[in-house]
Amino acid sequence: MLSPLSEIMPIAGIAFCAALAQGATGFGFAIIALPFLLLVMGSLDAVGLTIILNLLVSLVLVPGLWRQAPKGPLARLSLGSVLGFPIGLAIFLQASLDWVRLAVGVIILAFAATLALRRGGNGAPAGGGPAAAPAPPSWVEIPVGLCSGAMATALAMPGPAVMLYLSARGMAKDPLRACTLCLFTLSYGAALALQTAAGATNGAMWLTAGLAAPATICGAIVGHRLSRRLDETIFRKIILAILLITGAYTTGAAILA
């Protein structure tokens, strides 16, 4: 695990940028942070660190957003997540660093491609048609939550499945952001507890998390304030570009390793 100042500084910078995106959009911390933390740290401790810092972001933001979260979808997604947590933990305990790098890269690319196709790459539904697709039935939220929960404990990435589902459902920006952040509080809390019980965390990881915590909190607060001022279309283009570049780099590095 890393401790020298020269290595803590890039970790703190990564955490700030990822928390900024999470605070502004309700997702993106793990998608942005995990590939670079895997690169800097060179071990699966990056997954545990991502879980700790992402939980911190959620705890900072959720108290002010809880009332905006739609309780029905949140409850069903949470139930599915609880079912998925042990599945993801079993996968994580059997995973190798190279496998995790490749899985992260492929998931990010798939997520970015799906967002681009659904939104036409500019924040509007692809095709520009005025009619919205029918909302999925509410029971679908349980298997979506299961997939999210499994990805939370396996890869510290509960967001892609939930974001794609809520986007398909047509949920507005503010309740979507509140719903995902509330769900992530449960997901990362459970993931941290399970990984700790399985012996996958250590004192050095907690020390690194403590050193990176101030930058993480600052990023979350700045992102939360920016969420009301940023043009949503432009911001989505920026996030999509980051996803494509990050996913391509991570996948290519894993294949060539």
Protein backbone atom coordinates (compact mmCIF):
# COMPACT_ATOMS: atom_id res chain seq x y z
CA MET A 1 0.00 0.00 0.00
CA LEU A 2 1.19 3.50 -0.77
CA SER A 3 2.31 6.06 1.77
CA PRO A 4 5.10 8.29 0.36
CA LEU A 5 4.04 11.88 -0.29
CA SER A 6 4.92 11.56 -3.99
CA GLU A 7 2.30 8.82 -4.30
CA ILE A 8 -0.32 10.28 -1.95
CA MET A 9 -0.47 13.48 -4.00
CA PRO A 10 -1.71 11.83 -7.22
CA ILE A 11 -4.18 9.73 -5.19
CA ALA A 12 -5.58 12.90 -3.62
CA GLY A 13 -5.79 14.57 -7.04
CA ILE A 14 -7.63 11.59 -8.51
CA ALA A 15 -10.01 11.55 -5.54
CA PHE A 16 -10.75 15.28 -5.89
CA CYS A 17 -11.60 15.01 -9.61
CA ALA A 18 -13.73 11.91 -9.11
CA ALA A 19 -15.60 13.44 -6.15
CA LEU A 20 -16.20 16.58 -8.20
CA ALA A 21 -17.94 14.54 -10.91
CA GLN A 22 -19.90 12.52 -8.34
CA GLY A 23 -21.05 15.64 -6.53
CA ALA A 24 -22.20 17.30 -9.73
CA THR A 25 -23.92 14.37 -11.44
CA GLY A 26 -24.63 11.73 -8.80
CA PHE A 27 -22.26 9.19 -10.36
CA GLY A 28 -18.76 8.85 -11.73
CA PHE A 29 -16.44 8.48 -8.74
CA ALA A 30 -15.45 4.87 -9.27
CA ILE A 31 -15.59 5.12 -13.06
CA ILE A 32 -13.10 7.98 -13.02
CA ALA A 33 -11.01 7.07 -9.97
CA LEU A 34 -10.62 3.28 -10.05
CA PRO A 35 -8.70 2.92 -13.35
CA PHE A 36 -6.15 5.53 -12.27
CA LEU A 37 -5.90 4.22 -8.70
CA LEU A 38 -5.22 0.74 -10.10
CA LEU A 39 -2.44 2.28 -12.21
CA VAL A 40 -0.89 4.31 -9.38
CA MET A 41 -1.23 1.68 -6.65
CA GLY A 42 -0.67 -1.45 -8.71
CA SER A 43 -2.81 -3.66 -6.48
CA LEU A 44 -6.41 -4.56 -5.66
CA ASP A 45 -6.13 -2.26 -2.63
CA ALA A 46 -7.33 0.36 -5.14
CA VAL A 47 -10.78 -1.25 -5.03
CA GLY A 48 -10.97 -0.97 -1.25
CA LEU A 49 -9.71 2.62 -1.30
CA THR A 50 -12.32 3.52 -3.92
CA ILE A 51 -15.05 2.03 -1.73
CA ILE A 52 -13.93 4.01 1.35
CA LEU A 53 -13.63 7.34 -0.47
CA ASN A 54 -16.87 6.89 -2.39
CA LEU A 55 -18.71 6.13 0.83
CA LEU A 56 -17.27 9.35 2.23
CA VAL A 57 -18.64 11.32 -0.74
CA SER A 58 -22.08 9.79 -0.27
CA LEU A 59 -22.12 10.56 3.45
CA VAL A 60 -21.22 14.19 2.75
CA LEU A 61 -23.95 14.68 0.13
CA VAL A 62 -26.86 12.43 1.13
CA PRO A 63 -28.18 14.42 4.15
CA GLY A 64 -29.13 17.29 1.84
CA LEU A 65 -30.59 15.04 -0.89
CA TRP A 66 -32.53 12.34 0.97
CA ARG A 67 -35.92 14.07 0.60
CA GLN A 68 -35.53 14.31 -3.19
CA ALA A 69 -34.96 10.56 -3.66
CA PRO A 70 -37.98 8.60 -5.00
CA LYS A 71 -38.58 6.11 -2.20
CA GLY A 72 -40.19 3.28 -4.24
CA PRO A 73 -37.37 2.84 -6.78
CA LEU A 74 -34.78 3.39 -4.05
CA ALA A 75 -36.30 0.63 -1.89
CA ARG A 76 -36.47 -1.90 -4.75
CA LEU A 77 -32.95 -1.09 -5.97
CA SER A 78 -31.68 -1.43 -2.39
CA LEU A 79 -33.34 -4.82 -2.00
CA GLY A 80 -31.73 -6.07 -5.21
CA SER A 81 -28.37 -4.67 -4.12
CA VAL A 82 -28.50 -6.58 -0.84
CA LEU A 83 -29.01 -9.79 -2.84
CA GLY A 84 -26.05 -8.95 -5.09
CA PHE A 85 -23.49 -8.02 -2.41
CA PRO A 86 -22.33 -11.59 -1.56
CA ILE A 87 -22.13 -12.50 -5.25
CA GLY A 88 -19.78 -9.61 -5.94
CA LEU A 89 -17.66 -10.37 -2.89
CA ALA A 90 -17.16 -13.97 -4.05
CA ILE A 91 -16.03 -12.65 -7.45
CA PHE A 92 -13.64 -10.13 -5.88
CA LEU A 93 -11.97 -12.71 -3.65
CA GLN A 94 -11.18 -14.84 -6.72
CA ALA A 95 -10.10 -11.96 -8.97
CA SER A 96 -6.63 -11.03 -10.18
CA LEU A 97 -5.35 -7.49 -10.77
CA ASP A 98 -5.20 -8.00 -14.55
CA TRP A 99 -8.75 -9.35 -14.62
CA VAL A 100 -10.05 -6.37 -12.64
CA ARG A 101 -8.28 -3.89 -14.92
CA LEU A 102 -9.77 -5.50 -18.01
CA ALA A 103 -13.25 -5.75 -16.49
CA VAL A 104 -13.18 -2.09 -15.41
CA GLY A 105 -12.09 -0.93 -18.86
CA VAL A 106 -14.72 -2.97 -20.71
CA ILE A 107 -17.52 -1.87 -18.36
CA ILE A 108 -16.58 1.80 -18.72
CA LEU A 109 -16.47 1.54 -22.52
CA ALA A 110 -19.82 -0.27 -22.61
CA PHE A 111 -21.36 2.30 -20.29
CA ALA A 112 -20.01 5.21 -22.37
CA ALA A 113 -21.17 3.65 -25.64
CA THR A 114 -24.65 3.04 -24.27
CA LEU A 115 -24.92 6.60 -22.99
CA ALA A 116 -23.77 7.93 -26.36
CA LEU A 117 -26.33 5.84 -28.24
CA ARG A 118 -29.16 6.68 -25.85
CA ARG A 119 -28.38 10.39 -25.73
CA GLY A 120 -27.01 10.94 -29.19
CA GLY A 121 -23.78 12.07 -27.48
CA ASN A 122 -25.27 15.47 -26.59
CA GLY A 123 -27.64 14.95 -23.71
CA ALA A 124 -30.74 14.48 -25.85
CA PRO A 125 -32.34 11.17 -26.71
CA ALA A 126 -30.80 9.56 -29.79
CA GLY A 127 -32.78 10.25 -32.92
CA GLY A 128 -34.26 13.45 -31.56
CA GLY A 129 -37.76 12.05 -31.46
CA PRO A 130 -40.21 13.69 -29.08
CA ALA A 131 -41.73 10.47 -27.77
CA ALA A 132 -40.10 8.85 -24.78
CA ALA A 133 -39.71 5.09 -24.53
CA PRO A 134 -42.18 3.34 -22.19
CA ALA A 135 -40.94 3.14 -18.61
CA PRO A 136 -39.69 -0.34 -17.60
CA PRO A 137 -41.89 -2.20 -15.08
CA SER A 138 -40.98 -1.50 -11.47
CA TRP A 139 -40.04 -5.14 -10.71
CA VAL A 140 -37.05 -4.72 -13.04
CA GLU A 141 -35.48 -2.55 -10.34
CA ILE A 142 -34.72 -5.64 -8.22
CA PRO A 143 -32.48 -7.41 -10.80
CA VAL A 144 -30.95 -4.03 -11.71
CA GLY A 145 -30.15 -3.57 -8.02
CA LEU A 146 -28.72 -7.10 -7.85
CA CYS A 147 -26.34 -6.31 -10.72
CA SER A 148 -25.42 -2.99 -9.06
CA GLY A 149 -24.79 -4.66 -5.70
CA ALA A 150 -22.60 -7.36 -7.23
CA MET A 151 -20.55 -4.73 -9.08
CA ALA A 152 -20.26 -2.70 -5.86
CA THR A 153 -18.50 -5.44 -3.91
CA ALA A 154 -16.59 -6.88 -6.89
CA LEU A 155 -15.38 -3.68 -8.58
CA ALA A 156 -16.53 -0.74 -6.40
CA MET A 157 -18.73 0.28 -9.35
CA PRO A 158 -22.45 0.12 -8.52
CA GLY A 159 -23.29 3.05 -10.78
CA PRO A 160 -23.44 1.92 -14.44
CA ALA A 161 -26.40 -0.48 -14.16
CA VAL A 162 -28.43 1.94 -12.03
CA MET A 163 -27.64 5.00 -14.14
CA LEU A 164 -28.60 3.24 -17.37
CA TYR A 165 -31.85 1.98 -15.84
CA LEU A 166 -32.89 5.32 -14.34
CA SER A 167 -31.98 7.08 -17.58
CA ALA A 168 -34.12 4.62 -19.55
CA ARG A 169 -36.94 5.25 -17.12
CA GLY A 170 -36.68 8.98 -17.86
CA MET A 171 -36.09 10.09 -14.26
CA ALA A 172 -35.31 13.81 -13.97
CA LYS A 173 -31.83 14.99 -13.02
CA ASP A 174 -32.40 15.96 -9.36
CA PRO A 175 -34.30 12.85 -8.20
CA LEU A 176 -31.93 10.65 -10.23
CA ARG A 177 -28.92 12.22 -8.53
CA ALA A 178 -30.52 11.85 -5.10
CA CYS A 179 -31.56 8.24 -5.74
CA THR A 180 -28.12 7.12 -6.89
CA LEU A 181 -26.27 8.82 -4.04
CA CYS A 182 -28.62 7.34 -1.43
CA LEU A 183 -28.22 3.90 -2.99
CA PHE A 184 -24.44 4.28 -3.09
CA THR A 185 -24.39 4.97 0.65
CA LEU A 186 -25.90 1.53 1.19
CA SER A 187 -23.78 -0.13 -1.51
CA TYR A 188 -20.42 1.19 -0.39
CA GLY A 189 -21.23 0.77 3.29
CA ALA A 190 -22.10 -2.89 2.73
CA ALA A 191 -19.14 -3.42 0.38
CA LEU A 192 -16.75 -1.98 2.96
CA ALA A 193 -18.20 -4.11 5.76
CA LEU A 194 -18.03 -7.30 3.70
CA GLN A 195 -14.51 -6.68 2.44
CA THR A 196 -13.33 -5.85 5.95
CA ALA A 197 -14.92 -9.03 7.31
CA ALA A 198 -13.19 -10.99 4.54
CA GLY A 199 -9.81 -9.49 5.44
CA ALA A 200 -9.53 -7.46 2.21
CA THR A 201 -8.77 -4.14 3.96
CA ASN A 202 -5.75 -3.15 6.01
CA GLY A 203 -4.37 -0.35 8.15
CA ALA A 204 -2.28 1.17 5.38
CA MET A 205 -5.39 1.44 3.18
CA TRP A 206 -7.21 3.33 5.93
CA LEU A 207 -4.22 5.63 6.41
CA THR A 208 -4.16 6.44 2.70
CA ALA A 209 -7.93 7.03 2.75
CA GLY A 210 -7.50 9.42 5.68
CA LEU A 211 -4.84 11.39 3.83
CA ALA A 212 -6.98 11.59 0.70
CA ALA A 213 -10.19 12.41 2.62
CA PRO A 214 -9.81 16.24 2.65
CA ALA A 215 -9.39 16.38 -1.13
CA THR A 216 -12.33 14.01 -1.56
CA ILE A 217 -14.62 16.11 0.65
CA CYS A 218 -13.58 19.32 -1.12
CA GLY A 219 -14.31 17.77 -4.52
CA ALA A 220 -17.74 16.58 -3.38
CA ILE A 221 -18.69 20.01 -2.02
CA VAL A 222 -17.47 21.87 -5.11
CA GLY A 223 -19.28 19.40 -7.39
CA HIS A 224 -22.50 19.78 -5.40
CA ARG A 225 -22.38 23.55 -5.79
CA LEU A 226 -21.54 23.30 -9.49
CA SER A 227 -24.50 20.97 -10.12
CA ARG A 228 -26.89 23.93 -10.05
CA ARG A 229 -24.83 26.11 -12.38
CA LEU A 230 -23.33 23.87 -15.03
CA ASP A 231 -25.02 23.47 -18.38
CA GLU A 232 -26.15 19.84 -18.27
CA THR A 233 -25.56 19.16 -21.99
CA ILE A 234 -21.98 20.42 -21.95
CA PHE A 235 -21.19 18.60 -18.72
CA ARG A 236 -22.54 15.32 -20.13
CA LYS A 237 -20.27 15.73 -23.15
CA ILE A 238 -17.27 16.22 -20.87
CA ILE A 239 -18.16 13.18 -18.77
CA LEU A 240 -18.72 11.08 -21.91
CA ALA A 241 -15.31 12.09 -23.25
CA ILE A 242 -13.66 11.18 -19.94
CA LEU A 243 -15.41 7.82 -19.94
CA LEU A 244 -14.33 6.99 -23.48
CA ILE A 245 -10.70 8.00 -22.92
CA THR A 246 -10.47 6.29 -19.53
CA GLY A 247 -12.15 3.10 -20.75
CA ALA A 248 -9.99 2.86 -23.87
CA TYR A 249 -6.78 3.45 -21.92
CA THR A 250 -7.64 0.98 -19.15
CA THR A 251 -8.72 -1.73 -21.58
CA GLY A 252 -5.67 -1.27 -23.78
CA ALA A 253 -3.29 -1.30 -20.80
CA ALA A 254 -4.88 -4.50 -19.47
CA ILE A 255 -4.64 -6.26 -22.83
CA LEU A 256 -1.01 -5.21 -23.39
CA ALA A 257 0.10 -5.98 -19.83
